Amino acid sequence: MPDTLTHEDELLAIMCDALTLTPGTLTRESTRENVELWDSLGHLGVLAALDTHFVGKVGELKEMATANSVASYPTHPTGAA
């Protein structure tokens, strides 16, 4: 993994890890419909991993709970640059 990650690269890495996918599997175009492991349980795992990574700031964002594609996730929660 590169030393300097963009926020999107960081998001993709966290999501791949949470969904137990090989790094690089997800792209900005990935959705819950085309990623088998991104079911409701997988979505909870993604939310928990992001919340841990961003030190509790994910819970402040309603759009995280309804995100159905990588592109629909903010690249970082407010206040967590």
Protein backbone atom coordinates (compact mmCIF):
# COMPACT_ATOMS: atom_id res chain seq x y z
CA MET A 1 0.00 0.00 0.00
CA PRO A 2 1.43 3.45 -0.83
CA ASP A 3 2.70 5.69 1.98
CA THR A 4 0.33 8.46 0.97
CA LEU A 5 -3.29 7.46 0.50
CA THR A 6 -6.02 9.67 -0.85
CA HIS A 7 -9.19 9.67 1.20
CA GLU A 8 -10.82 7.51 -1.47
CA ASP A 9 -7.93 5.00 -1.41
CA GLU A 10 -8.23 4.88 2.36
CA LEU A 11 -11.98 4.31 2.14
CA LEU A 12 -11.54 1.50 -0.39
CA ALA A 13 -8.89 -0.19 1.76
CA ILE A 14 -11.06 -0.02 4.88
CA MET A 15 -14.09 -1.34 3.01
CA CYS A 16 -12.13 -4.22 1.41
CA ASP A 17 -10.82 -5.20 4.82
CA ALA A 18 -14.27 -5.02 6.45
CA LEU A 19 -15.81 -7.12 3.67
CA THR A 20 -12.86 -9.57 3.68
CA LEU A 21 -12.09 -8.79 0.06
CA THR A 22 -8.69 -8.76 -1.58
CA PRO A 23 -7.26 -5.22 -1.52
CA GLY A 24 -8.03 -3.48 -4.80
CA THR A 25 -11.24 -5.47 -5.39
CA LEU A 26 -13.53 -2.50 -4.81
CA THR A 27 -13.62 0.55 -7.05
CA ARG A 28 -15.57 3.78 -6.99
CA GLU A 29 -18.13 2.02 -9.20
CA SER A 30 -18.69 -0.89 -6.77
CA THR A 31 -22.21 -1.19 -5.37
CA ARG A 32 -24.07 -3.46 -2.97
CA GLU A 33 -25.66 -5.08 -6.03
CA ASN A 34 -22.37 -6.15 -7.63
CA VAL A 35 -20.38 -7.12 -4.51
CA GLU A 36 -21.69 -10.39 -3.09
CA LEU A 37 -20.22 -9.92 0.40
CA TRP A 38 -21.72 -6.43 0.72
CA ASP A 39 -25.01 -7.65 2.16
CA SER A 40 -26.70 -6.18 5.24
CA LEU A 41 -24.22 -7.84 7.60
CA GLY A 42 -21.31 -6.73 5.43
CA HIS A 43 -22.69 -3.19 5.45
CA LEU A 44 -22.71 -3.20 9.26
CA GLY A 45 -19.10 -4.38 9.19
CA VAL A 46 -18.16 -1.52 6.87
CA LEU A 47 -19.91 1.01 9.13
CA ALA A 48 -18.17 -0.40 12.22
CA ALA A 49 -14.75 -0.34 10.52
CA LEU A 50 -15.24 3.23 9.32
CA ASP A 51 -16.49 4.32 12.74
CA THR A 52 -13.40 2.79 14.37
CA HIS A 53 -11.07 4.36 11.81
CA PHE A 54 -12.64 7.80 12.10
CA VAL A 55 -12.93 7.62 15.90
CA GLY A 56 -16.70 7.68 16.24
CA LYS A 57 -17.40 10.38 13.64
CA VAL A 58 -19.27 8.02 11.28
CA GLY A 59 -22.27 7.85 13.60
CA GLU A 60 -22.83 11.55 12.94
CA LEU A 61 -23.50 10.98 9.24
CA LYS A 62 -26.93 9.65 8.24
CA GLU A 63 -25.84 9.07 4.64
CA MET A 64 -23.38 6.38 5.78
CA ALA A 65 -26.24 4.15 6.94
CA THR A 66 -28.00 4.32 3.58
CA ALA A 67 -24.96 4.22 1.28
CA ASN A 68 -25.33 1.58 -1.41
CA SER A 69 -22.18 2.26 -3.44
CA VAL A 70 -18.60 3.26 -2.81
CA ALA A 71 -19.27 6.57 -4.55
CA SER A 72 -22.13 7.36 -2.15
CA TYR A 73 -19.85 7.30 0.91
CA PRO A 74 -18.25 10.62 1.86
CA THR A 75 -14.47 10.25 1.57
CA HIS A 76 -14.12 11.38 5.17
CA PRO A 77 -16.58 12.35 7.88
CA THR A 78 -16.87 16.00 8.88
CA GLY A 79 -14.04 16.94 11.19
CA ALA A 80 -11.97 13.85 10.36
CA ALA A 81 -9.57 15.10 7.72
